Amino acid sequence: MMNRRQFILVGGGLSAAFSLGLLPTWAVRAAATAQFEVNYTDQQWHERLSAAQYHILREEGTETPYSSPLNDEHRDGVFSCAGCDLPLFSSHAKFDSHTGWPSFYQPLDHAVAQRQDRSFGMVRDEVHCRRCGGHLGHVFDDGPQPTGLRYCMNGLALLFAPQKA
């Protein structure tokens, strides 16, 4: 159990790391060392993505809850990676988790990969695009059936293509 003093010290340390740009640098370095089918230089990623998309996909950031228009996207279609356009989720697996982020109960086959995320004193399962390594969000075990999983994704990490009639 963390006492008040420890909480303040940890919070201050994290704030200092963010303000000095240390945490995003670590995330970029980790992503850059992995080999994926789609690889770009840091400069090329900056050219391809908006600043907010870059922060999420390449620096493992998180968008503000309820800020994504994809929360209200209910048409049939496919959600793809904003970094490399790999199809990730079908709209048929999307549900309203009331968390503020687009949520799905399962990805498409061979679309995502996972790794343990121990940031911020928590243990979570990070979800990333298996083709470019872009950070998408996290998966939790409190979702609906048939899987019981909740893939809680950053809307800025996704593109939506409606199904053609």
Protein backbone atom coordinates (compact mmCIF):
# COMPACT_ATOMS: atom_id res chain seq x y z
CA MET A 1 0.00 0.00 0.00
CA MET A 2 1.39 3.38 -1.00
CA ASN A 3 1.29 6.14 1.60
CA ARG A 4 0.65 9.81 0.80
CA ARG A 5 4.34 10.74 0.77
CA GLN A 6 5.24 7.90 -1.62
CA PHE A 7 2.32 8.84 -3.87
CA ILE A 8 3.50 12.47 -4.05
CA LEU A 9 7.10 11.41 -4.74
CA VAL A 10 6.09 8.97 -7.48
CA GLY A 11 3.73 11.53 -9.02
CA GLY A 12 6.43 14.19 -8.94
CA GLY A 13 8.96 11.84 -10.51
CA LEU A 14 6.58 10.89 -13.31
CA SER A 15 5.73 14.54 -13.91
CA ALA A 16 9.41 15.42 -14.12
CA ALA A 17 10.08 12.53 -16.51
CA PHE A 18 7.24 13.64 -18.78
CA SER A 19 8.28 17.29 -18.70
CA LEU A 20 11.87 16.36 -19.55
CA GLY A 21 10.64 14.14 -22.38
CA LEU A 22 12.25 11.02 -20.91
CA LEU A 23 9.31 8.63 -21.02
CA PRO A 24 8.38 9.19 -24.66
CA THR A 25 12.05 8.76 -25.63
CA TRP A 26 12.14 5.36 -23.96
CA ALA A 27 8.99 4.29 -25.79
CA VAL A 28 10.32 5.44 -29.16
CA ARG A 29 13.63 3.66 -28.55
CA ALA A 30 11.83 0.43 -27.63
CA ALA A 31 9.61 0.58 -30.71
CA ALA A 32 12.57 1.39 -32.94
CA THR A 33 14.55 -1.67 -31.84
CA ALA A 34 11.80 -4.15 -32.74
CA GLN A 35 11.57 -5.49 -36.28
CA PHE A 36 8.21 -5.25 -38.00
CA GLU A 37 7.02 -5.73 -41.58
CA VAL A 38 6.47 -1.97 -41.86
CA ASN A 39 9.41 0.12 -40.66
CA TYR A 40 9.96 3.84 -41.05
CA THR A 41 12.51 6.22 -39.61
CA ASP A 42 11.40 8.52 -36.83
CA GLN A 43 11.31 11.40 -39.34
CA GLN A 44 9.14 9.37 -41.74
CA TRP A 45 6.69 8.52 -38.93
CA HIS A 46 6.46 12.25 -38.10
CA GLU A 47 5.69 12.99 -41.76
CA ARG A 48 3.03 10.26 -42.02
CA LEU A 49 1.18 10.91 -38.75
CA SER A 50 -0.33 13.92 -37.01
CA ALA A 51 1.42 14.97 -33.80
CA ALA A 52 -1.34 13.35 -31.72
CA GLN A 53 -1.22 10.11 -33.72
CA TYR A 54 2.56 10.01 -33.41
CA HIS A 55 2.30 10.44 -29.64
CA ILE A 56 -0.10 7.52 -29.34
CA LEU A 57 1.27 5.11 -31.94
CA ARG A 58 5.02 5.71 -31.50
CA GLU A 59 5.32 7.04 -27.92
CA GLU A 60 2.61 4.84 -26.37
CA GLY A 61 0.44 7.80 -25.41
CA THR A 62 -3.25 7.82 -24.56
CA GLU A 63 -5.91 10.13 -25.92
CA THR A 64 -8.40 11.91 -23.68
CA PRO A 65 -11.44 9.71 -22.94
CA TYR A 66 -14.59 10.50 -24.95
CA SER A 67 -12.56 12.59 -27.43
CA SER A 68 -12.66 10.17 -30.37
CA PRO A 69 -15.44 10.41 -32.96
CA LEU A 70 -14.97 6.64 -33.41
CA ASN A 71 -16.80 6.13 -30.11
CA ASP A 72 -19.99 7.03 -31.99
CA GLU A 73 -19.16 5.09 -35.16
CA HIS A 74 -21.86 2.43 -35.61
CA ARG A 75 -21.74 1.65 -39.34
CA ASP A 76 -20.61 -1.70 -40.69
CA GLY A 77 -16.96 -1.60 -41.66
CA VAL A 78 -13.40 -2.18 -40.61
CA PHE A 79 -11.12 -0.35 -38.18
CA SER A 80 -7.50 -0.29 -39.38
CA CYS A 81 -4.15 0.84 -38.00
CA ALA A 82 -3.56 4.56 -38.60
CA GLY A 83 0.14 3.80 -38.95
CA CYS A 84 0.11 1.16 -41.67
CA ASP A 85 -3.56 0.60 -42.62
CA LEU A 86 -3.61 -3.06 -41.49
CA PRO A 87 -7.23 -4.13 -40.82
CA LEU A 88 -7.50 -4.70 -37.05
CA PHE A 89 -11.13 -4.92 -35.91
CA SER A 90 -14.51 -5.56 -37.48
CA SER A 91 -17.33 -3.22 -36.54
CA HIS A 92 -19.28 -6.36 -35.58
CA ALA A 93 -16.93 -6.81 -32.57
CA LYS A 94 -17.33 -3.20 -31.38
CA PHE A 95 -19.33 -2.42 -28.25
CA ASP A 96 -19.90 0.53 -25.93
CA SER A 97 -17.76 -0.10 -22.86
CA HIS A 98 -18.67 3.27 -21.29
CA THR A 99 -14.93 3.90 -20.76
CA GLY A 100 -14.50 6.71 -23.31
CA TRP A 101 -12.45 4.74 -25.85
CA PRO A 102 -13.55 2.59 -28.81
CA SER A 103 -13.78 -0.97 -27.51
CA PHE A 104 -13.91 -4.36 -29.20
CA TYR A 105 -14.30 -7.89 -27.85
CA GLN A 106 -11.89 -9.42 -30.38
CA PRO A 107 -9.44 -8.38 -33.10
CA LEU A 108 -9.29 -9.78 -36.61
CA ASP A 109 -7.07 -12.85 -37.04
CA HIS A 110 -3.32 -12.10 -37.05
CA ALA A 111 -3.93 -8.34 -36.64
CA VAL A 112 -2.56 -7.45 -33.21
CA ALA A 113 0.15 -8.55 -30.83
CA GLN A 114 0.39 -8.07 -27.09
CA ARG A 115 3.11 -7.47 -24.54
CA GLN A 116 3.16 -6.80 -20.84
CA ASP A 117 3.11 -3.11 -19.89
CA ARG A 118 4.42 -2.31 -16.41
CA SER A 119 4.25 1.49 -16.70
CA PHE A 120 2.74 3.71 -13.98
CA GLY A 121 3.01 1.01 -11.33
CA MET A 122 0.43 -1.23 -13.02
CA VAL A 123 0.62 -4.49 -14.94
CA ARG A 124 -1.47 -4.40 -18.12
CA ASP A 125 -1.46 -6.07 -21.51
CA GLU A 126 -0.55 -3.55 -24.21
CA VAL A 127 -1.98 -4.12 -27.67
CA HIS A 128 0.00 -3.09 -30.72
CA CYS A 129 -0.29 -3.51 -34.47
CA ARG A 130 1.56 -6.68 -35.42
CA ARG A 131 2.68 -5.16 -38.75
CA CYS A 132 4.13 -1.76 -37.71
CA GLY A 133 4.33 -2.07 -33.91
CA GLY A 134 2.11 0.97 -33.36
CA HIS A 135 0.64 1.24 -29.85
CA LEU A 136 -3.14 0.86 -30.01
CA GLY A 137 -4.25 0.56 -26.39
CA HIS A 138 -4.71 -2.21 -23.83
CA VAL A 139 -6.78 -5.37 -23.41
CA PHE A 140 -8.68 -6.22 -20.23
CA ASP A 141 -10.66 -9.27 -19.11
CA ASP A 142 -13.90 -7.42 -18.32
CA GLY A 143 -15.53 -7.46 -21.76
CA PRO A 144 -18.67 -9.09 -23.08
CA GLN A 145 -19.12 -12.61 -24.37
CA PRO A 146 -18.16 -14.47 -26.45
CA THR A 147 -14.54 -13.65 -25.45
CA GLY A 148 -14.91 -11.78 -22.16
CA LEU A 149 -12.21 -9.37 -23.39
CA ARG A 150 -12.24 -5.60 -23.83
CA TYR A 151 -9.76 -4.25 -26.35
CA CYS A 152 -9.73 -0.61 -25.26
CA MET A 153 -8.22 1.27 -28.22
CA ASN A 154 -7.17 4.85 -28.84
CA GLY A 155 -9.37 6.24 -31.60
CA LEU A 156 -6.47 8.24 -33.05
CA ALA A 157 -4.59 4.98 -33.59
CA LEU A 158 -7.41 3.75 -35.83
CA LEU A 159 -8.89 4.55 -39.22
CA PHE A 160 -12.44 3.52 -40.11
CA ALA A 161 -13.56 2.37 -43.56
CA PRO A 162 -17.31 1.80 -43.91
CA GLN A 163 -18.45 -1.33 -45.70
CA LYS A 164 -19.34 -0.64 -49.32
CA ALA A 165 -22.96 -1.26 -50.24
